[in-house]
């Protein structure tokens, strides 16, 4: 059974906004963009729980040019894993984008996404998701092999974020890194009245 992680968020600030959980992975390179993985609106004194499991997927969407602020709403999501179903091809056939040839890739522990010659420039984006929602995407282009080696770092912020929004990480100033202690999979995260963060393990 997959391990279930959870974050219990409480808004003790005086502001209404949207709490956003996102991932970073510097090893993926500067042209791979983080998405607002989870996002929910919260009034002051609201408590809400986010849960996930570490299961992966391939995703794509016809986004146009991929820039911060664009909302990525996956048009196709194919379940993947790091061992057996970790390679897929992205193409455009009969006027429509699709994945095909989901198979076992040459490299274990890596998600491989092959873009064939039919993929046009700056019209779509491809990437990976976790627990049913997109995490990382990149502008699609023809004749490219993309390799995603997941090693997620989890972050939380508060502001005005739509789920699936392409984030400009340099613009996010109020944030906290969510780190789970060994053997602990639940975290209580509070946005305090002074708009700083408090994080505690929950048993």
N, C-alpha and C. Protein backbone atom coordinates (compact mmCIF):
# COMPACT_ATOMS: atom_id res chain seq x y z
N UNK A 1 0.84 -1.19 0.00
CA UNK A 1 0.00 0.00 0.00
C UNK A 1 0.89 1.25 0.00
N UNK A 2 0.53 2.22 -0.84
CA UNK A 2 1.31 3.45 -0.94
C UNK A 2 1.17 4.28 0.33
N UNK A 3 2.26 4.95 0.70
CA UNK A 3 2.24 5.82 1.86
C UNK A 3 1.43 7.07 1.56
N UNK A 4 0.56 7.45 2.49
CA UNK A 4 -0.26 8.65 2.31
C UNK A 4 0.34 9.78 3.13
N UNK A 5 0.61 10.89 2.45
CA UNK A 5 1.10 12.09 3.10
C UNK A 5 -0.05 13.08 3.28
N UNK A 6 0.04 13.88 4.33
CA UNK A 6 -1.01 14.88 4.50
C UNK A 6 -0.44 16.14 5.15
N UNK A 7 -1.06 17.26 4.79
CA UNK A 7 -0.76 18.55 5.36
C UNK A 7 -2.07 19.15 5.85
N UNK A 8 -2.11 19.47 7.13
CA UNK A 8 -3.28 20.14 7.72
C UNK A 8 -2.94 21.63 7.82
N UNK A 9 -3.63 22.42 7.01
CA UNK A 9 -3.35 23.86 6.95
C UNK A 9 -4.40 24.63 7.75
N UNK A 10 -3.93 25.61 8.53
CA UNK A 10 -4.85 26.51 9.22
C UNK A 10 -4.48 27.95 8.91
N UNK A 11 -5.49 28.72 8.54
CA UNK A 11 -5.29 30.14 8.23
C UNK A 11 -5.59 30.98 9.48
N UNK A 12 -4.54 31.29 10.23
CA UNK A 12 -4.68 32.16 11.40
C UNK A 12 -4.33 33.61 11.08
N UNK A 13 -4.15 33.91 9.78
CA UNK A 13 -3.91 35.29 9.38
C UNK A 13 -5.25 36.03 9.33
N UNK A 14 -5.20 37.29 9.00
CA UNK A 14 -6.43 38.08 8.87
C UNK A 14 -6.87 38.20 7.42
N UNK A 15 -6.26 37.42 6.53
CA UNK A 15 -6.49 37.58 5.10
C UNK A 15 -7.24 36.40 4.49
N UNK A 16 -8.08 36.70 3.50
CA UNK A 16 -8.63 35.68 2.62
C UNK A 16 -7.67 35.49 1.45
N UNK A 17 -7.49 34.24 1.05
CA UNK A 17 -6.62 33.97 -0.09
C UNK A 17 -6.67 32.51 -0.44
N UNK A 18 -5.71 32.09 -1.24
CA UNK A 18 -5.64 30.70 -1.66
C UNK A 18 -4.32 30.09 -1.19
N UNK A 19 -4.44 29.01 -0.43
CA UNK A 19 -3.25 28.29 -0.02
C UNK A 19 -2.83 27.40 -1.18
N UNK A 20 -1.55 27.37 -1.46
CA UNK A 20 -1.02 26.65 -2.62
C UNK A 20 0.14 25.77 -2.17
N UNK A 21 0.09 24.50 -2.54
CA UNK A 21 1.21 23.59 -2.35
C UNK A 21 1.81 23.30 -3.72
N UNK A 22 3.13 23.41 -3.80
CA UNK A 22 3.82 23.17 -5.07
C UNK A 22 5.11 22.41 -4.81
N UNK A 23 5.71 21.94 -5.89
CA UNK A 23 6.96 21.20 -5.78
C UNK A 23 8.06 21.90 -6.55
N UNK A 24 9.29 21.70 -6.10
CA UNK A 24 10.46 22.13 -6.86
C UNK A 24 11.40 20.94 -7.01
N UNK A 25 12.19 21.00 -8.04
CA UNK A 25 13.20 19.97 -8.28
C UNK A 25 14.29 20.60 -9.16
N UNK A 26 15.30 21.23 -8.55
CA UNK A 26 16.31 21.94 -9.33
C UNK A 26 17.01 21.07 -10.36
N UNK A 27 17.05 19.76 -10.13
CA UNK A 27 17.76 18.87 -11.06
C UNK A 27 17.07 18.79 -12.42
N UNK A 28 15.81 19.21 -12.50
CA UNK A 28 15.08 19.10 -13.77
C UNK A 28 15.47 20.19 -14.77
N UNK A 29 16.16 21.22 -14.32
CA UNK A 29 16.61 22.26 -15.24
C UNK A 29 15.73 23.49 -15.22
N UNK A 30 16.26 24.64 -15.69
CA UNK A 30 15.54 25.91 -15.59
C UNK A 30 14.34 26.04 -16.51
N UNK A 31 14.26 25.23 -17.56
CA UNK A 31 13.13 25.36 -18.49
C UNK A 31 11.96 24.45 -18.14
N UNK A 32 12.08 23.69 -17.04
CA UNK A 32 10.96 22.92 -16.51
C UNK A 32 10.28 23.76 -15.44
N UNK A 33 8.98 23.96 -15.57
CA UNK A 33 8.27 24.91 -14.73
C UNK A 33 7.39 24.18 -13.71
N UNK A 34 7.33 24.74 -12.51
CA UNK A 34 6.49 24.19 -11.45
C UNK A 34 5.06 24.69 -11.61
N UNK A 35 4.11 23.81 -11.30
CA UNK A 35 2.70 24.17 -11.30
C UNK A 35 2.20 24.32 -9.87
N UNK A 36 1.12 25.08 -9.71
CA UNK A 36 0.39 25.08 -8.45
C UNK A 36 -0.28 23.71 -8.34
N UNK A 37 0.32 22.85 -7.57
CA UNK A 37 -0.10 21.43 -7.49
C UNK A 37 -1.48 21.31 -6.85
N UNK A 38 -1.63 21.90 -5.68
CA UNK A 38 -2.92 21.98 -5.00
C UNK A 38 -3.18 23.45 -4.66
N UNK A 39 -4.42 23.87 -4.78
CA UNK A 39 -4.78 25.23 -4.40
C UNK A 39 -6.24 25.27 -3.94
N UNK A 40 -6.46 25.87 -2.76
CA UNK A 40 -7.82 26.01 -2.22
C UNK A 40 -7.96 27.37 -1.55
N UNK A 41 -9.14 27.95 -1.69
CA UNK A 41 -9.41 29.23 -1.05
C UNK A 41 -9.69 29.03 0.44
N UNK A 42 -9.25 30.01 1.25
CA UNK A 42 -9.41 29.88 2.70
C UNK A 42 -9.62 31.24 3.35
N UNK A 43 -10.73 31.37 4.07
CA UNK A 43 -10.96 32.54 4.91
C UNK A 43 -10.16 32.39 6.21
N UNK A 44 -9.98 33.49 6.95
CA UNK A 44 -9.36 33.38 8.27
C UNK A 44 -10.10 32.38 9.16
N UNK A 45 -9.35 31.67 9.97
CA UNK A 45 -9.76 30.62 10.92
C UNK A 45 -10.12 29.30 10.23
N UNK A 46 -9.99 29.22 8.90
CA UNK A 46 -10.30 28.00 8.17
C UNK A 46 -9.18 26.97 8.33
N UNK A 47 -9.57 25.70 8.50
CA UNK A 47 -8.63 24.58 8.50
C UNK A 47 -8.99 23.64 7.36
N UNK A 48 -7.99 23.18 6.63
CA UNK A 48 -8.24 22.23 5.53
C UNK A 48 -7.06 21.27 5.42
N UNK A 49 -7.35 20.09 4.87
CA UNK A 49 -6.33 19.05 4.78
C UNK A 49 -6.06 18.69 3.33
N UNK A 50 -4.80 18.60 2.98
CA UNK A 50 -4.35 18.14 1.67
C UNK A 50 -3.70 16.77 1.85
N UNK A 51 -4.07 15.82 1.02
CA UNK A 51 -3.47 14.48 1.10
C UNK A 51 -2.98 14.04 -0.27
N UNK A 52 -1.94 13.22 -0.28
CA UNK A 52 -1.44 12.68 -1.54
C UNK A 52 -0.64 11.41 -1.30
N UNK A 53 -0.47 10.67 -2.38
CA UNK A 53 0.42 9.52 -2.42
C UNK A 53 1.44 9.74 -3.52
N UNK A 54 2.58 9.07 -3.41
CA UNK A 54 3.62 9.24 -4.42
C UNK A 54 3.36 8.26 -5.57
N UNK A 55 2.44 8.66 -6.43
CA UNK A 55 2.23 7.92 -7.67
C UNK A 55 2.23 8.92 -8.82
N UNK A 56 2.85 8.54 -9.91
CA UNK A 56 3.17 9.48 -10.98
C UNK A 56 2.28 9.31 -12.20
N UNK A 57 2.31 10.34 -13.06
CA UNK A 57 1.56 10.29 -14.32
C UNK A 57 2.26 11.17 -15.34
N UNK A 58 1.98 10.88 -16.61
CA UNK A 58 2.36 11.75 -17.71
C UNK A 58 1.17 12.65 -18.04
N UNK A 59 1.43 13.92 -18.35
CA UNK A 59 0.35 14.86 -18.62
C UNK A 59 0.70 15.75 -19.81
N UNK A 60 -0.31 16.26 -20.50
CA UNK A 60 -0.10 17.29 -21.52
C UNK A 60 -1.33 18.19 -21.58
N UNK A 61 -1.14 19.38 -22.13
CA UNK A 61 -2.24 20.30 -22.35
C UNK A 61 -1.86 21.25 -23.49
N UNK A 62 -2.86 21.68 -24.24
CA UNK A 62 -2.65 22.62 -25.34
C UNK A 62 -2.67 24.03 -24.76
N UNK A 63 -1.53 24.46 -24.26
CA UNK A 63 -1.42 25.69 -23.47
C UNK A 63 -1.12 26.92 -24.30
N UNK A 64 -0.64 26.76 -25.55
CA UNK A 64 0.02 27.86 -26.21
C UNK A 64 1.39 28.05 -25.58
N UNK A 65 1.93 29.25 -25.70
CA UNK A 65 3.25 29.49 -25.13
C UNK A 65 3.20 29.37 -23.62
N UNK A 66 4.15 28.63 -23.07
CA UNK A 66 4.15 28.31 -21.64
C UNK A 66 4.89 29.41 -20.89
N UNK A 67 4.13 30.25 -20.19
CA UNK A 67 4.71 31.35 -19.42
C UNK A 67 4.01 31.39 -18.06
N UNK A 68 4.64 32.00 -17.04
CA UNK A 68 3.98 32.12 -15.75
C UNK A 68 2.60 32.76 -15.86
N UNK A 69 1.65 32.22 -15.12
CA UNK A 69 0.28 32.71 -15.15
C UNK A 69 -0.64 31.86 -15.99
N UNK A 70 -0.09 31.12 -16.98
CA UNK A 70 -0.91 30.20 -17.77
C UNK A 70 -1.40 29.07 -16.86
N UNK A 71 -2.66 28.70 -17.01
CA UNK A 71 -3.20 27.60 -16.22
C UNK A 71 -3.16 26.32 -17.05
N UNK A 72 -2.44 25.35 -16.56
CA UNK A 72 -2.30 24.05 -17.21
C UNK A 72 -3.41 23.14 -16.69
N UNK A 73 -4.31 22.76 -17.59
CA UNK A 73 -5.43 21.87 -17.24
C UNK A 73 -5.27 20.61 -18.10
N UNK A 74 -4.73 19.57 -17.50
CA UNK A 74 -4.31 18.39 -18.26
C UNK A 74 -5.43 17.84 -19.14
N UNK A 75 -5.15 17.74 -20.43
CA UNK A 75 -6.11 17.18 -21.38
C UNK A 75 -6.05 15.66 -21.41
N UNK A 76 -4.92 15.12 -21.02
CA UNK A 76 -4.75 13.67 -20.98
C UNK A 76 -3.80 13.35 -19.84
N UNK A 77 -4.14 12.35 -19.06
CA UNK A 77 -3.32 11.92 -17.92
C UNK A 77 -3.17 10.41 -17.98
N UNK A 78 -1.94 9.95 -18.11
CA UNK A 78 -1.68 8.51 -18.15
C UNK A 78 -0.85 8.13 -16.93
N UNK A 79 -1.35 7.16 -16.17
CA UNK A 79 -0.62 6.69 -15.00
C UNK A 79 0.73 6.13 -15.41
N UNK A 80 1.72 6.37 -14.55
CA UNK A 80 3.08 5.90 -14.82
C UNK A 80 3.69 5.41 -13.52
N UNK A 81 4.79 4.70 -13.64
CA UNK A 81 5.60 4.37 -12.47
C UNK A 81 7.07 4.41 -12.88
N UNK A 82 7.94 4.35 -11.90
CA UNK A 82 9.37 4.56 -12.18
C UNK A 82 10.09 3.30 -12.66
N UNK A 83 9.39 2.18 -12.70
CA UNK A 83 10.06 0.93 -13.05
C UNK A 83 9.56 0.33 -14.37
N UNK A 84 8.26 0.18 -14.50
CA UNK A 84 7.72 -0.61 -15.61
C UNK A 84 6.99 0.20 -16.68
N UNK A 85 6.28 1.24 -16.29
CA UNK A 85 5.56 2.08 -17.25
C UNK A 85 6.10 3.50 -17.13
N UNK A 86 7.33 3.67 -17.59
CA UNK A 86 8.02 4.94 -17.37
C UNK A 86 8.48 5.62 -18.66
N UNK A 87 7.91 5.21 -19.80
CA UNK A 87 8.27 5.83 -21.07
C UNK A 87 7.02 5.97 -21.93
N UNK A 88 6.85 7.14 -22.53
CA UNK A 88 5.67 7.38 -23.37
C UNK A 88 6.07 8.32 -24.51
N UNK A 89 5.30 8.27 -25.59
CA UNK A 89 5.51 9.15 -26.74
C UNK A 89 4.37 10.14 -26.85
N UNK A 90 4.71 11.40 -27.13
CA UNK A 90 3.72 12.46 -27.34
C UNK A 90 3.74 12.84 -28.82
N UNK A 91 2.55 12.91 -29.43
CA UNK A 91 2.49 13.18 -30.86
C UNK A 91 1.21 13.94 -31.19
N UNK A 92 1.10 14.34 -32.46
CA UNK A 92 -0.12 14.95 -32.97
C UNK A 92 -0.54 14.18 -34.22
N UNK A 93 -1.69 13.52 -34.12
CA UNK A 93 -2.20 12.69 -35.22
C UNK A 93 -3.64 13.07 -35.52
N UNK A 94 -3.97 13.15 -36.80
CA UNK A 94 -5.33 13.50 -37.23
C UNK A 94 -5.82 14.79 -36.58
N UNK A 95 -4.90 15.73 -36.43
CA UNK A 95 -5.26 17.04 -35.90
C UNK A 95 -5.39 17.11 -34.39
N UNK A 96 -5.01 16.05 -33.68
CA UNK A 96 -5.19 16.03 -32.22
C UNK A 96 -3.94 15.49 -31.55
N UNK A 97 -3.64 16.04 -30.39
CA UNK A 97 -2.52 15.54 -29.59
C UNK A 97 -2.93 14.27 -28.84
N UNK A 98 -1.94 13.42 -28.59
CA UNK A 98 -2.20 12.23 -27.77
C UNK A 98 -0.89 11.62 -27.31
N UNK A 99 -0.98 10.84 -26.25
CA UNK A 99 0.10 9.96 -25.86
C UNK A 99 -0.09 8.62 -26.56
N UNK A 100 1.03 7.91 -26.73
CA UNK A 100 0.97 6.54 -27.26
C UNK A 100 2.21 5.80 -26.78
N UNK A 101 2.17 4.50 -26.92
CA UNK A 101 3.34 3.65 -26.64
C UNK A 101 3.85 3.78 -25.20
N UNK A 102 2.95 3.65 -24.25
CA UNK A 102 3.37 3.61 -22.85
C UNK A 102 4.04 2.26 -22.59
N UNK A 103 5.29 2.32 -22.16
CA UNK A 103 6.06 1.09 -22.06
C UNK A 103 7.14 1.23 -20.99
N UNK A 104 7.95 0.20 -20.88
CA UNK A 104 9.09 0.23 -19.96
C UNK A 104 10.27 0.89 -20.64
N UNK A 105 10.79 1.94 -20.02
CA UNK A 105 11.90 2.67 -20.60
C UNK A 105 13.24 2.02 -20.30
N UNK A 106 14.26 2.57 -20.92
CA UNK A 106 15.61 2.00 -20.76
C UNK A 106 16.20 2.31 -19.39
N UNK A 107 15.76 3.42 -18.76
CA UNK A 107 16.32 3.84 -17.48
C UNK A 107 15.30 3.68 -16.37
N UNK A 108 15.60 2.84 -15.40
CA UNK A 108 14.74 2.71 -14.23
C UNK A 108 14.89 3.94 -13.34
N UNK A 109 13.80 4.36 -12.71
CA UNK A 109 13.84 5.51 -11.82
C UNK A 109 13.68 6.84 -12.51
N UNK A 110 13.45 6.81 -13.82
CA UNK A 110 13.32 8.03 -14.62
C UNK A 110 12.04 7.93 -15.46
N UNK A 111 11.31 9.04 -15.56
CA UNK A 111 10.15 9.12 -16.44
C UNK A 111 10.59 9.76 -17.75
N UNK A 112 10.48 9.00 -18.85
CA UNK A 112 10.94 9.47 -20.16
C UNK A 112 9.76 9.83 -21.03
N UNK A 113 9.81 11.02 -21.65
CA UNK A 113 8.74 11.49 -22.51
C UNK A 113 9.36 11.85 -23.86
N UNK A 114 8.99 11.10 -24.89
CA UNK A 114 9.53 11.32 -26.23
C UNK A 114 8.54 12.13 -27.06
N UNK A 115 8.99 13.27 -27.58
CA UNK A 115 8.16 14.09 -28.46
C UNK A 115 8.58 13.81 -29.90
N UNK A 116 7.65 13.32 -30.72
CA UNK A 116 8.04 12.94 -32.08
C UNK A 116 7.96 14.13 -33.03
N UNK A 117 8.21 13.88 -34.31
CA UNK A 117 8.36 14.94 -35.30
C UNK A 117 7.05 15.69 -35.59
N UNK A 118 5.92 15.14 -35.17
CA UNK A 118 4.62 15.76 -35.46
C UNK A 118 4.27 16.89 -34.50
N UNK A 119 5.04 17.06 -33.43
CA UNK A 119 4.70 18.05 -32.39
C UNK A 119 5.14 19.44 -32.84
N UNK A 120 4.23 20.41 -32.92
CA UNK A 120 4.61 21.77 -33.32
C UNK A 120 5.23 22.55 -32.15
N UNK A 121 5.84 23.67 -32.49
CA UNK A 121 6.48 24.52 -31.49
C UNK A 121 5.46 25.41 -30.77
N UNK A 122 5.63 25.58 -29.47
CA UNK A 122 4.94 26.57 -28.66
C UNK A 122 3.42 26.50 -28.75
N UNK A 123 2.90 25.30 -28.85
CA UNK A 123 1.45 25.15 -28.86
C UNK A 123 0.95 24.28 -27.71
N UNK A 124 1.79 23.39 -27.22
CA UNK A 124 1.38 22.49 -26.14
C UNK A 124 2.50 22.42 -25.10
N UNK A 125 2.17 21.81 -23.98
CA UNK A 125 3.15 21.57 -22.93
C UNK A 125 2.96 20.15 -22.42
N UNK A 126 4.06 19.55 -21.98
CA UNK A 126 4.04 18.17 -21.48
C UNK A 126 4.76 18.14 -20.14
N UNK A 127 4.48 17.09 -19.38
CA UNK A 127 5.17 16.99 -18.10
C UNK A 127 4.70 15.81 -17.29
N UNK A 128 4.86 15.94 -15.99
CA UNK A 128 4.50 14.85 -15.08
C UNK A 128 3.61 15.38 -13.96
N UNK A 129 2.86 14.47 -13.38
CA UNK A 129 2.02 14.80 -12.25
C UNK A 129 2.24 13.80 -11.13
N UNK A 130 1.69 14.14 -9.97
CA UNK A 130 1.72 13.24 -8.82
C UNK A 130 0.35 13.25 -8.16
N UNK A 131 -0.13 12.07 -7.82
CA UNK A 131 -1.39 11.93 -7.09
C UNK A 131 -2.54 12.64 -7.80
N UNK A 132 -2.51 12.56 -9.15
CA UNK A 132 -3.64 13.04 -9.95
C UNK A 132 -3.58 14.48 -10.39
N UNK A 133 -2.56 15.24 -9.97
CA UNK A 133 -2.46 16.66 -10.35
C UNK A 133 -1.06 16.96 -10.87
N UNK A 134 -0.99 17.90 -11.84
CA UNK A 134 0.28 18.23 -12.47
C UNK A 134 1.25 18.89 -11.51
N UNK A 135 2.54 18.55 -11.67
CA UNK A 135 3.59 19.12 -10.83
C UNK A 135 4.63 19.89 -11.64
N UNK A 136 5.12 19.30 -12.75
CA UNK A 136 6.16 19.93 -13.56
C UNK A 136 5.81 19.82 -15.04
N UNK A 137 6.01 20.91 -15.78
CA UNK A 137 5.73 20.89 -17.21
C UNK A 137 6.82 21.63 -17.98
N UNK A 138 6.86 21.34 -19.27
CA UNK A 138 7.84 21.97 -20.15
C UNK A 138 7.19 22.20 -21.51
N UNK A 139 7.59 23.27 -22.17
CA UNK A 139 7.06 23.56 -23.50
C UNK A 139 7.38 22.42 -24.46
N UNK A 140 6.37 21.96 -25.19
CA UNK A 140 6.57 20.86 -26.13
C UNK A 140 7.21 21.36 -27.43
N UNK A 141 8.04 20.49 -28.02
CA UNK A 141 8.66 20.79 -29.31
C UNK A 141 9.00 19.47 -29.99
N UNK A 142 9.23 19.49 -31.30
CA UNK A 142 9.44 18.23 -32.02
C UNK A 142 10.80 17.61 -31.76
N UNK A 143 10.83 16.28 -31.85
CA UNK A 143 12.07 15.52 -31.87
C UNK A 143 12.94 15.74 -30.62
N UNK A 144 12.28 15.64 -29.47
CA UNK A 144 13.00 15.81 -28.21
C UNK A 144 12.71 14.64 -27.29
N UNK A 145 13.71 14.27 -26.50
CA UNK A 145 13.53 13.29 -25.43
C UNK A 145 13.69 14.00 -24.09
N UNK A 146 12.65 13.93 -23.27
CA UNK A 146 12.68 14.57 -21.96
C UNK A 146 12.80 13.51 -20.88
N UNK A 147 13.61 13.81 -19.87
CA UNK A 147 13.82 12.86 -18.77
C UNK A 147 13.50 13.57 -17.45
N UNK A 148 12.55 13.03 -16.71
CA UNK A 148 12.18 13.57 -15.41
C UNK A 148 12.58 12.56 -14.34
N UNK A 149 13.52 12.95 -13.50
CA UNK A 149 13.91 12.09 -12.38
C UNK A 149 13.32 12.71 -11.12
N UNK A 150 12.18 12.21 -10.67
CA UNK A 150 11.48 12.89 -9.57
C UNK A 150 12.25 12.80 -8.25
N UNK A 151 12.38 13.94 -7.65
CA UNK A 151 12.93 14.05 -6.29
C UNK A 151 12.30 15.30 -5.69
N UNK A 152 11.00 15.22 -5.36
CA UNK A 152 10.26 16.43 -5.06
C UNK A 152 10.62 17.07 -3.72
N UNK A 153 10.67 18.39 -3.75
CA UNK A 153 10.68 19.21 -2.54
C UNK A 153 9.32 19.89 -2.46
N UNK A 154 8.69 19.82 -1.30
CA UNK A 154 7.34 20.36 -1.14
C UNK A 154 7.40 21.75 -0.49
N UNK A 155 6.57 22.65 -1.01
CA UNK A 155 6.49 24.02 -0.50
C UNK A 155 5.03 24.44 -0.34
N UNK A 156 4.80 25.39 0.54
CA UNK A 156 3.47 25.95 0.72
C UNK A 156 3.57 27.47 0.68
N UNK A 157 2.56 28.11 0.07
CA UNK A 157 2.50 29.56 0.02
C UNK A 157 1.04 29.98 0.09
N UNK A 158 0.81 31.27 0.18
CA UNK A 158 -0.55 31.79 0.32
C UNK A 158 -0.65 33.06 -0.50
N UNK A 159 -1.69 33.14 -1.31
CA UNK A 159 -1.85 34.32 -2.16
C UNK A 159 -3.05 34.18 -3.07
N UNK A 160 -2.80 34.27 -4.36
CA UNK A 160 -3.88 34.15 -5.34
C UNK A 160 -3.41 33.22 -6.46
N UNK A 161 -3.58 31.93 -6.26
CA UNK A 161 -3.06 30.93 -7.19
C UNK A 161 -4.18 29.98 -7.62
N UNK A 162 -4.28 29.76 -8.92
CA UNK A 162 -5.21 28.76 -9.44
C UNK A 162 -4.50 27.42 -9.50
N UNK A 163 -5.21 26.34 -9.19
CA UNK A 163 -4.59 25.01 -9.33
C UNK A 163 -4.21 24.80 -10.79
N UNK A 164 -2.98 24.36 -11.01
CA UNK A 164 -2.47 24.17 -12.37
C UNK A 164 -1.76 25.38 -12.94
N UNK A 165 -1.76 26.49 -12.23
CA UNK A 165 -1.11 27.71 -12.73
C UNK A 165 0.40 27.53 -12.81
N UNK A 166 0.98 27.98 -13.92
CA UNK A 166 2.44 27.98 -14.06
C UNK A 166 3.01 29.06 -13.15
N UNK A 167 3.89 28.66 -12.24
CA UNK A 167 4.40 29.58 -11.22
C UNK A 167 5.71 30.24 -11.64
N UNK A 168 5.87 31.47 -11.25
CA UNK A 168 7.16 32.15 -11.33
C UNK A 168 7.74 32.08 -9.92
N UNK A 169 8.63 31.14 -9.70
CA UNK A 169 9.14 30.89 -8.35
C UNK A 169 9.90 32.09 -7.78
N UNK A 170 10.44 32.94 -8.65
CA UNK A 170 11.18 34.10 -8.16
C UNK A 170 10.25 35.15 -7.55
N UNK A 171 8.96 35.05 -7.85
CA UNK A 171 8.00 36.04 -7.35
C UNK A 171 7.36 35.60 -6.03
N UNK A 172 7.61 34.35 -5.61
CA UNK A 172 6.99 33.85 -4.39
C UNK A 172 7.91 34.15 -3.21
N UNK A 173 7.47 35.05 -2.34
CA UNK A 173 8.32 35.48 -1.23
C UNK A 173 7.88 34.85 0.09
N UNK A 174 6.59 34.75 0.33
CA UNK A 174 6.09 34.16 1.58
C UNK A 174 5.82 32.68 1.35
N UNK A 175 6.73 31.85 1.82
CA UNK A 175 6.63 30.41 1.56
C UNK A 175 7.30 29.66 2.69
N UNK A 176 7.00 28.38 2.77
CA UNK A 176 7.66 27.51 3.76
C UNK A 176 7.89 26.15 3.12
N UNK A 177 9.04 25.57 3.41
CA UNK A 177 9.35 24.24 2.91
C UNK A 177 8.75 23.20 3.85
N UNK A 178 8.05 22.23 3.26
CA UNK A 178 7.42 21.17 4.05
C UNK A 178 8.34 19.96 4.02
N UNK A 179 8.92 19.63 5.16
CA UNK A 179 9.83 18.49 5.26
C UNK A 179 9.26 17.51 6.28
N UNK A 180 9.17 16.26 5.87
CA UNK A 180 8.62 15.23 6.74
C UNK A 180 9.76 14.51 7.46
N UNK A 181 9.64 14.42 8.77
CA UNK A 181 10.64 13.71 9.56
C UNK A 181 10.56 12.21 9.27
N UNK A 182 11.65 11.46 9.47
CA UNK A 182 11.61 10.01 9.23
C UNK A 182 10.48 9.34 10.01
N UNK A 183 9.66 8.59 9.29
CA UNK A 183 8.55 7.89 9.91
C UNK A 183 7.31 8.74 10.14
N UNK A 184 7.38 10.02 9.76
CA UNK A 184 6.24 10.92 9.94
C UNK A 184 5.73 11.36 8.56
N UNK A 185 4.43 11.28 8.37
CA UNK A 185 3.86 11.59 7.06
C UNK A 185 2.75 12.62 7.13
N UNK A 186 2.65 13.30 8.27
CA UNK A 186 1.59 14.30 8.46
C UNK A 186 2.19 15.55 9.08
N UNK A 187 1.83 16.68 8.53
CA UNK A 187 2.38 17.95 8.99
C UNK A 187 1.25 18.94 9.24
N UNK A 188 1.34 19.66 10.35
CA UNK A 188 0.42 20.77 10.62
C UNK A 188 1.13 22.06 10.23
N UNK A 189 0.50 22.84 9.36
CA UNK A 189 1.11 24.07 8.86
C UNK A 189 0.14 25.22 9.13
N UNK A 190 0.61 26.22 9.87
CA UNK A 190 -0.23 27.35 10.24
C UNK A 190 0.34 28.64 9.66
N UNK A 191 -0.52 29.40 8.98
CA UNK A 191 -0.18 30.76 8.58
C UNK A 191 -0.59 31.66 9.74
N UNK A 192 0.38 32.25 10.41
CA UNK A 192 0.11 32.98 11.65
C UNK A 192 -0.39 34.40 11.37
N UNK A 193 -0.80 35.07 12.44
CA UNK A 193 -1.39 36.40 12.31
C UNK A 193 -0.43 37.39 11.68
N UNK A 194 0.87 37.20 11.92
CA UNK A 194 1.87 38.11 11.34
C UNK A 194 2.33 37.64 9.96
N UNK A 195 1.60 36.67 9.38
CA UNK A 195 1.86 36.14 8.02
C UNK A 195 3.17 35.37 7.91
N UNK A 196 3.66 34.86 9.03
CA UNK A 196 4.76 33.91 9.00
C UNK A 196 4.20 32.50 9.18
N UNK A 197 5.07 31.50 8.98
CA UNK A 197 4.63 30.12 8.97
C UNK A 197 5.11 29.36 10.19
N UNK A 198 4.28 28.44 10.66
CA UNK A 198 4.65 27.52 11.72
C UNK A 198 4.35 26.11 11.24
N UNK A 199 5.33 25.21 11.35
CA UNK A 199 5.18 23.83 10.89
C UNK A 199 5.47 22.88 12.03
N UNK A 200 4.65 21.87 12.20
CA UNK A 200 4.84 20.90 13.26
C UNK A 200 4.48 19.51 12.75
N UNK A 201 5.24 18.51 13.22
CA UNK A 201 4.88 17.12 12.92
C UNK A 201 3.62 16.74 13.67
N UNK A 202 2.80 15.89 13.05
CA UNK A 202 1.59 15.39 13.69
C UNK A 202 1.70 13.87 13.75
N UNK A 203 1.48 13.31 14.91
CA UNK A 203 1.58 11.86 15.07
C UNK A 203 0.24 11.21 14.77
